[in-house]
């Protein structure tokens, strides 16, 4: 299935068909047999991410055992807006699926019918898509926050400084006041909640608790069957933002768009659609950064007139990363586990990967906190 921009997409809520579920089970049984040292965490990752690939095949009418290189490339094209490490993990799971099938000698049903063989063999994420296996801050053309204005002074995690984020709020695009308000809600919700763009797109007015200043959302990454307690979570916004958000939801939104129903439905919409696509949300954030004079290309760092910028400094994902870093390093009342819950991470290690090291305050914090 393709979206309105021609990209392949997989519905977030779609369950595997019985046939695909059976195929995944056969793959996992063979994986366990062939890779006896596979950790529980790796097994869980392969189960989940191979499921994404099989969902994609199911939606697009592809027989996974007859898939071709072009099918895998179509899948990759649909996920390139995710973090490099995420895309790499998803692709590695697809590679694992076909490697296990190729080497299986026990199950007659696990046999490729594509004469071209392994459909991943001709694909290099690094050469074909500029996606490195290492984390985004350790790519071949290493960039650090030391090299970027308005980023925190750190070698590992590129995150916007909080004062730079404040500049974004005054630079939202929009020719009409209603459009500016919608875009301000986008930027502020992204920063305040640390939500992914797909989660921002799915936020609903009915799930706002105006008294508690929370929004209950469905996680874009958590499998409800594996982590039922994390499949939905509450994200929080400041009390000072409540009036602005309420004004948008209850007074302006339905006048801005003829496609919505007043006081219910998705918070974010367009003039002609009752929902807003994650890519469009990301475009608003990137344009806001341009207006504020904060935007700059990261890859390539100095693009020529014919070059395509593969990564920008300010994106919805960067705002998410920056928010999580801010919660942990700057807000004393939020501990790392609370930050994990707010971010929607299943593992604490995932939250730690998003957080910059704050070595400058380490000694001071220790001296203030240690008992004499």
Protein backbone atom coordinates (compact mmCIF):
# COMPACT_ATOMS: atom_id res chain seq x y z
CA UNK A 1 0.00 0.00 0.00
CA UNK A 2 1.21 3.53 -0.76
CA UNK A 3 0.37 6.79 0.97
CA UNK A 4 -0.67 10.01 -0.73
CA UNK A 5 2.97 10.73 -1.54
CA UNK A 6 3.54 7.40 -3.24
CA UNK A 7 5.56 5.88 -0.40
CA UNK A 8 5.07 2.35 0.85
CA UNK A 9 3.47 2.27 4.29
CA UNK A 10 2.36 -0.39 6.74
CA UNK A 11 -0.67 0.34 8.94
CA UNK A 12 0.37 0.54 12.60
CA UNK A 13 -2.62 -1.44 13.87
CA UNK A 14 -2.71 -4.25 11.31
CA UNK A 15 -2.43 -7.74 12.76
CA UNK A 16 -0.56 -10.45 10.92
CA UNK A 17 -2.75 -12.74 8.87
CA UNK A 18 -2.93 -16.37 9.95
CA UNK A 19 -0.66 -17.36 7.07
CA UNK A 20 1.97 -14.74 7.93
CA UNK A 21 1.78 -15.57 11.63
CA UNK A 22 2.46 -19.21 10.79
CA UNK A 23 5.41 -18.24 8.61
CA UNK A 24 6.86 -16.09 11.39
CA UNK A 25 6.49 -18.99 13.80
CA UNK A 26 8.34 -21.30 11.41
CA UNK A 27 11.12 -18.72 11.04
CA UNK A 28 11.47 -18.30 14.81
CA UNK A 29 11.58 -22.07 15.36
CA UNK A 30 14.33 -22.37 12.77
CA UNK A 31 16.17 -19.37 14.24
CA UNK A 32 16.15 -21.02 17.66
CA UNK A 33 17.42 -24.28 16.14
CA UNK A 34 20.18 -22.71 14.05
CA UNK A 35 21.27 -19.96 16.46
CA UNK A 36 21.27 -21.70 19.82
CA UNK A 37 23.01 -18.77 21.52
CA UNK A 38 20.37 -16.22 20.52
CA UNK A 39 19.52 -14.01 23.51
CA UNK A 40 15.93 -13.42 24.58
CA UNK A 41 16.28 -9.75 23.63
CA UNK A 42 17.52 -10.57 20.12
CA UNK A 43 14.75 -13.15 19.70
CA UNK A 44 12.14 -10.58 20.73
CA UNK A 45 13.61 -8.04 18.32
CA UNK A 46 13.59 -10.49 15.42
CA UNK A 47 10.04 -11.57 16.21
CA UNK A 48 8.78 -7.99 16.27
CA UNK A 49 10.72 -6.65 13.30
CA UNK A 50 10.22 -9.66 11.05
CA UNK A 51 6.56 -9.12 11.84
CA UNK A 52 6.84 -5.60 10.40
CA UNK A 53 8.30 -7.01 7.19
CA UNK A 54 5.59 -9.68 6.93
CA UNK A 55 2.93 -7.01 7.55
CA UNK A 56 4.40 -5.00 4.69
CA UNK A 57 4.33 -8.06 2.43
CA UNK A 58 0.76 -8.86 3.44
CA UNK A 59 -0.50 -5.33 2.78
CA UNK A 60 1.27 -5.09 -0.57
CA UNK A 61 0.38 -8.56 -1.88
CA UNK A 62 3.95 -9.88 -1.75
CA UNK A 63 4.74 -13.54 -1.13
CA UNK A 64 7.67 -13.28 1.34
CA UNK A 65 9.20 -16.50 0.01
CA UNK A 66 9.15 -15.06 -3.51
CA UNK A 67 10.16 -11.49 -2.59
CA UNK A 68 12.62 -9.70 -4.84
CA UNK A 69 15.20 -7.03 -4.16
CA UNK A 70 12.81 -4.32 -5.36
CA UNK A 71 10.30 -5.39 -2.68
CA UNK A 72 12.86 -5.00 0.09
CA UNK A 73 13.91 -1.63 -1.32
CA UNK A 74 10.28 -0.55 -1.27
CA UNK A 75 10.12 -1.50 2.41
CA UNK A 76 13.30 0.46 3.16
CA UNK A 77 11.96 3.52 1.33
CA UNK A 78 8.96 3.51 3.65
CA UNK A 79 11.07 3.65 6.84
CA UNK A 80 13.93 5.97 5.92
CA UNK A 81 12.44 8.76 8.04
CA UNK A 82 13.25 6.68 11.14
CA UNK A 83 16.58 6.90 12.96
CA UNK A 84 19.49 5.23 11.15
CA UNK A 85 19.94 2.69 13.93
CA UNK A 86 16.24 1.75 13.69
CA UNK A 87 16.35 1.34 9.91
CA UNK A 88 19.47 -0.77 10.23
CA UNK A 89 17.83 -3.00 12.84
CA UNK A 90 14.72 -3.46 10.69
CA UNK A 91 16.83 -4.36 7.66
CA UNK A 92 18.99 -6.73 9.71
CA UNK A 93 15.83 -8.56 10.77
CA UNK A 94 14.78 -8.93 7.13
CA UNK A 95 18.27 -10.26 6.34
CA UNK A 96 17.97 -12.68 9.24
CA UNK A 97 14.60 -13.90 7.96
CA UNK A 98 16.06 -14.84 4.59
CA UNK A 99 19.35 -16.17 5.92
CA UNK A 100 17.53 -18.51 8.31
CA UNK A 101 15.21 -19.69 5.53
CA UNK A 102 18.12 -20.23 3.15
CA UNK A 103 19.99 -22.36 5.70
CA UNK A 104 16.98 -24.26 7.05
CA UNK A 105 17.19 -28.02 6.50
CA UNK A 106 14.36 -29.23 8.72
CA UNK A 107 11.18 -27.52 7.51
CA UNK A 108 10.17 -28.17 3.90
CA UNK A 109 7.83 -25.16 4.00
CA UNK A 110 10.79 -22.80 4.52
CA UNK A 111 12.15 -22.61 1.01
CA UNK A 112 12.64 -19.60 -1.23
CA UNK A 113 10.79 -19.82 -4.52
CA UNK A 114 12.48 -16.75 -5.96
CA UNK A 115 15.10 -17.87 -8.45
CA UNK A 116 17.10 -14.75 -7.69
CA UNK A 117 17.82 -16.08 -4.21
CA UNK A 118 18.26 -13.91 -1.11
CA UNK A 119 16.51 -10.57 -1.90
CA UNK A 120 18.77 -8.58 0.45
CA UNK A 121 22.08 -9.60 -1.12
CA UNK A 122 22.28 -6.66 -3.51
CA UNK A 123 21.41 -4.00 -0.93
CA UNK A 124 23.87 -1.90 1.07
CA UNK A 125 22.26 0.55 3.48
CA UNK A 126 25.47 2.57 3.68
CA UNK A 127 26.22 2.76 -0.05
CA UNK A 128 22.65 2.90 -1.35
CA UNK A 129 20.96 5.02 1.32
CA UNK A 130 23.74 6.66 3.31
CA UNK A 131 22.61 4.80 6.43
CA UNK A 132 25.37 3.68 8.77
CA UNK A 133 25.17 0.87 11.28
CA UNK A 134 26.58 3.08 14.01
CA UNK A 135 24.45 5.59 15.88
CA UNK A 136 23.70 8.86 14.13
CA UNK A 137 26.37 10.73 16.09
CA UNK A 138 29.09 8.21 15.15
CA UNK A 139 28.70 8.12 11.40
CA UNK A 140 31.63 8.06 9.01
CA UNK A 141 31.52 11.83 8.67
CA UNK A 142 31.49 12.28 12.44
CA UNK A 143 29.68 15.37 13.61
CA UNK A 144 29.56 16.45 17.22
CA UNK A 145 27.70 19.12 19.09
CA UNK A 146 30.99 21.01 19.30
CA UNK A 147 30.63 21.70 15.57
CA UNK A 148 27.04 22.90 15.64
CA UNK A 149 25.71 26.22 16.85
CA UNK A 150 22.72 25.97 19.20
CA UNK A 151 23.50 22.36 20.11
CA UNK A 152 24.57 21.17 23.53
CA UNK A 153 28.32 20.98 23.95
CA UNK A 154 28.76 17.21 23.82
CA UNK A 155 30.58 14.73 21.59
CA UNK A 156 28.00 11.97 21.52
CA UNK A 157 24.40 13.15 21.39
CA UNK A 158 23.38 16.02 19.16
CA UNK A 159 20.58 17.80 21.00
CA UNK A 160 19.23 21.33 20.75
CA UNK A 161 19.92 23.64 23.65
CA UNK A 162 16.74 24.55 25.55
CA UNK A 163 17.21 28.24 24.75
CA UNK A 164 17.41 27.38 21.06
CA UNK A 165 14.10 25.52 21.32
CA UNK A 166 12.55 28.69 22.77
CA UNK A 167 13.49 30.48 19.54
CA UNK A 168 11.44 27.97 17.56
CA UNK A 169 8.22 28.96 19.30
CA UNK A 170 8.41 32.47 17.84
CA UNK A 171 9.28 31.32 14.31
CA UNK A 172 6.45 28.97 13.30
CA UNK A 173 5.37 29.33 9.66
CA UNK A 174 1.88 30.12 8.44
CA UNK A 175 0.27 32.80 6.30
CA UNK A 176 -2.92 32.76 8.38
CA UNK A 177 -3.15 33.11 12.16
CA UNK A 178 -5.03 29.81 12.32
CA UNK A 179 -2.22 28.04 10.47
CA UNK A 180 0.38 29.64 12.73
CA UNK A 181 -1.51 28.45 15.80
CA UNK A 182 -1.73 24.90 14.43
CA UNK A 183 1.99 24.93 13.70
CA UNK A 184 2.82 26.35 17.13
CA UNK A 185 0.84 23.48 18.66
CA UNK A 186 2.91 21.04 16.57
CA UNK A 187 6.27 22.46 17.69
CA UNK A 188 5.31 22.85 21.33
CA UNK A 189 3.72 19.40 21.61
CA UNK A 190 6.79 17.86 20.00
CA UNK A 191 9.07 19.50 22.57
CA UNK A 192 6.85 19.20 25.62
CA UNK A 193 5.88 15.54 25.10
CA UNK A 194 8.94 14.15 23.30
CA UNK A 195 6.50 12.20 21.15
CA UNK A 196 7.43 10.70 17.80
CA UNK A 197 5.92 12.36 14.74
CA UNK A 198 3.64 9.36 14.15
CA UNK A 199 2.46 9.65 17.75
CA UNK A 200 1.84 13.37 17.35
CA UNK A 201 -0.23 12.60 14.26
CA UNK A 202 -2.42 10.14 16.18
CA UNK A 203 -3.09 12.30 19.29
CA UNK A 204 -6.82 12.74 19.87
CA UNK A 205 -8.77 15.45 21.64
CA UNK A 206 -10.87 12.87 23.52
CA UNK A 207 -7.68 11.56 25.16
CA UNK A 208 -6.67 14.90 26.68
CA UNK A 209 -7.07 15.23 30.44
CA UNK A 210 -7.30 19.00 30.81
CA UNK A 211 -7.04 18.90 34.61
CA UNK A 212 -3.91 16.75 34.68
CA UNK A 213 -2.43 18.22 31.47
CA UNK A 214 -1.85 14.79 29.95
CA UNK A 215 -2.63 13.12 26.63
CA UNK A 216 -3.05 9.37 26.46
CA UNK A 217 -1.48 8.02 23.28
CA UNK A 218 -0.72 4.71 21.64
CA UNK A 219 2.98 3.98 21.39
CA UNK A 220 4.33 3.76 17.86
CA UNK A 221 7.01 1.23 18.80
CA UNK A 222 5.63 -0.96 21.60
CA UNK A 223 4.02 -4.29 20.72
CA UNK A 224 0.97 -4.63 22.99
CA UNK A 225 1.39 -8.42 23.08
CA UNK A 226 4.93 -8.09 24.44
CA UNK A 227 4.56 -5.02 26.70
CA UNK A 228 0.84 -4.52 27.36
CA UNK A 229 1.53 -1.99 30.12
CA UNK A 230 3.48 0.25 27.73
CA UNK A 231 1.28 -0.05 24.65
CA UNK A 232 -0.41 3.18 25.73
CA UNK A 233 1.15 5.91 27.80
CA UNK A 234 0.43 9.37 29.10
CA UNK A 235 2.49 12.25 27.79
CA UNK A 236 2.46 15.52 29.68
CA UNK A 237 2.39 19.19 28.71
CA UNK A 238 2.95 22.29 30.90
CA UNK A 239 -0.03 23.92 32.58
CA UNK A 240 0.96 27.19 30.87
CA UNK A 241 0.31 25.55 27.48
CA UNK A 242 -3.18 24.39 28.40
CA UNK A 243 -4.93 27.60 27.34
CA UNK A 244 -3.21 27.65 23.91
CA UNK A 245 -3.93 23.98 23.25
CA UNK A 246 -7.52 24.29 24.39
CA UNK A 247 -8.05 27.35 22.22
CA UNK A 248 -6.82 25.39 19.19
CA UNK A 249 -8.86 22.26 19.97
CA UNK A 250 -12.14 23.90 20.95
CA UNK A 251 -12.29 27.19 19.06
CA UNK A 252 -9.94 27.37 16.10
CA UNK A 253 -9.44 23.82 14.77
CA UNK A 254 -12.92 23.25 13.34
CA UNK A 255 -12.91 26.70 11.75
CA UNK A 256 -9.47 26.01 10.26
CA UNK A 257 -10.54 22.70 8.69
CA UNK A 258 -13.87 21.77 7.18
CA UNK A 259 -12.93 18.09 7.47
CA UNK A 260 -13.04 17.83 11.28
CA UNK A 261 -15.69 17.42 13.93
CA UNK A 262 -15.58 20.01 16.74
CA UNK A 263 -13.96 18.91 19.98
CA UNK A 264 -13.21 15.34 18.89
CA UNK A 265 -10.86 13.52 16.56
CA UNK A 266 -7.17 14.03 15.95
CA UNK A 267 -5.63 17.15 17.41
CA UNK A 268 -3.62 17.90 14.28
CA UNK A 269 -5.30 18.30 10.92
CA UNK A 270 -4.98 20.10 7.59
CA UNK A 271 -7.48 22.39 5.92
CA UNK A 272 -8.77 19.50 3.81
CA UNK A 273 -8.07 16.43 5.95
CA UNK A 274 -9.01 15.41 9.49
CA UNK A 275 -5.50 14.11 10.13
CA UNK A 276 -1.96 15.24 9.43
CA UNK A 277 0.76 12.94 8.11
CA UNK A 278 3.97 12.49 10.18
CA UNK A 279 6.07 13.68 7.23
CA UNK A 280 4.07 16.92 7.09
CA UNK A 281 4.56 17.42 10.82
CA UNK A 282 8.28 16.99 10.33
CA UNK A 283 8.21 19.52 7.46
CA UNK A 284 6.59 22.12 9.74
CA UNK A 285 9.31 21.63 12.34
CA UNK A 286 12.09 21.87 9.76
CA UNK A 287 10.59 25.04 8.26
CA UNK A 288 10.23 26.55 11.74
CA UNK A 289 13.94 25.96 12.29
CA UNK A 290 14.71 27.69 8.97
CA UNK A 291 12.63 30.68 10.00
CA UNK A 292 14.46 30.84 13.32
CA UNK A 293 17.87 30.67 11.62
CA UNK A 294 18.68 27.40 13.41
CA UNK A 295 18.48 24.95 10.53
CA UNK A 296 21.58 23.55 8.90
CA UNK A 297 22.45 20.40 6.95
CA UNK A 298 24.30 17.66 8.79
CA UNK A 299 24.81 15.29 5.88
CA UNK A 300 26.43 16.40 3.70
CA UNK A 301 27.80 19.10 5.96
CA UNK A 302 28.47 21.49 3.08
CA UNK A 303 26.12 20.49 0.25
CA UNK A 304 26.68 21.71 -3.26
CA UNK A 305 23.89 23.07 -5.46
CA UNK A 306 23.21 19.61 -6.91
CA UNK A 307 23.43 17.72 -3.61
CA UNK A 308 20.41 16.42 -1.72
CA UNK A 309 20.51 16.99 2.03
CA UNK A 310 20.13 13.60 3.68
CA UNK A 311 19.87 14.87 7.24
CA UNK A 312 18.94 18.20 8.80
CA UNK A 313 19.94 19.42 12.24
CA UNK A 314 16.39 20.25 13.40
CA UNK A 315 13.76 17.56 12.78
CA UNK A 316 10.90 16.10 14.78
CA UNK A 317 13.20 13.26 15.85
CA UNK A 318 15.85 15.78 17.01
CA UNK A 319 13.24 17.59 19.10
CA UNK A 320 12.29 14.25 20.66
CA UNK A 321 15.92 13.47 21.40
CA UNK A 322 16.46 16.95 22.80
CA UNK A 323 13.39 16.75 25.03
CA UNK A 324 14.49 13.44 26.55
CA UNK A 325 17.98 14.82 27.15
CA UNK A 326 16.44 17.90 28.78
CA UNK A 327 14.22 15.84 31.09
CA UNK A 328 17.11 13.80 32.40
CA UNK A 329 19.85 16.42 32.59
CA UNK A 330 17.99 19.60 33.49
CA UNK A 331 14.84 18.68 35.41
CA UNK A 332 15.77 17.45 38.87
CA UNK A 333 12.30 16.08 39.60
CA UNK A 334 12.34 13.65 36.65
CA UNK A 335 14.52 10.57 37.11
CA UNK A 336 15.77 8.40 34.26
CA UNK A 337 13.07 5.77 34.69
CA UNK A 338 10.34 8.41 34.62
CA UNK A 339 11.95 9.77 31.46
CA UNK A 340 11.81 6.25 30.01
CA UNK A 341 8.08 6.05 30.67
CA UNK A 342 7.45 9.51 29.21
CA UNK A 343 9.49 8.61 26.12
CA UNK A 344 7.73 5.28 25.61
CA UNK A 345 10.86 3.15 25.76
CA UNK A 346 10.62 -0.52 26.71
CA UNK A 347 14.25 -0.64 27.88
CA UNK A 348 16.14 1.82 30.07
CA UNK A 349 19.13 1.45 27.76
CA UNK A 350 17.08 3.02 24.96
CA UNK A 351 16.53 6.15 27.04
CA UNK A 352 20.20 6.32 27.98
CA UNK A 353 21.12 6.23 24.27
CA UNK A 354 19.05 9.39 23.76
CA UNK A 355 20.62 11.33 26.62
CA UNK A 356 23.71 13.43 26.39
CA UNK A 357 26.39 12.97 29.04
CA UNK A 358 26.51 15.99 31.32
CA UNK A 359 30.00 15.58 32.75
CA UNK A 360 30.36 19.26 33.61
CA UNK A 361 27.76 19.02 36.38
CA UNK A 362 28.79 15.56 37.58
CA UNK A 363 31.14 16.67 40.39
CA UNK A 364 28.86 19.50 41.51
CA UNK A 365 25.82 17.20 41.64
CA UNK A 366 27.80 14.61 43.57
CA UNK A 367 29.03 17.10 46.19
CA UNK A 368 25.52 18.47 46.67
CA UNK A 369 23.90 15.07 46.99
CA UNK A 370 26.40 12.97 48.96
CA UNK A 371 25.85 12.52 52.68
CA UNK A 372 28.78 13.78 54.80
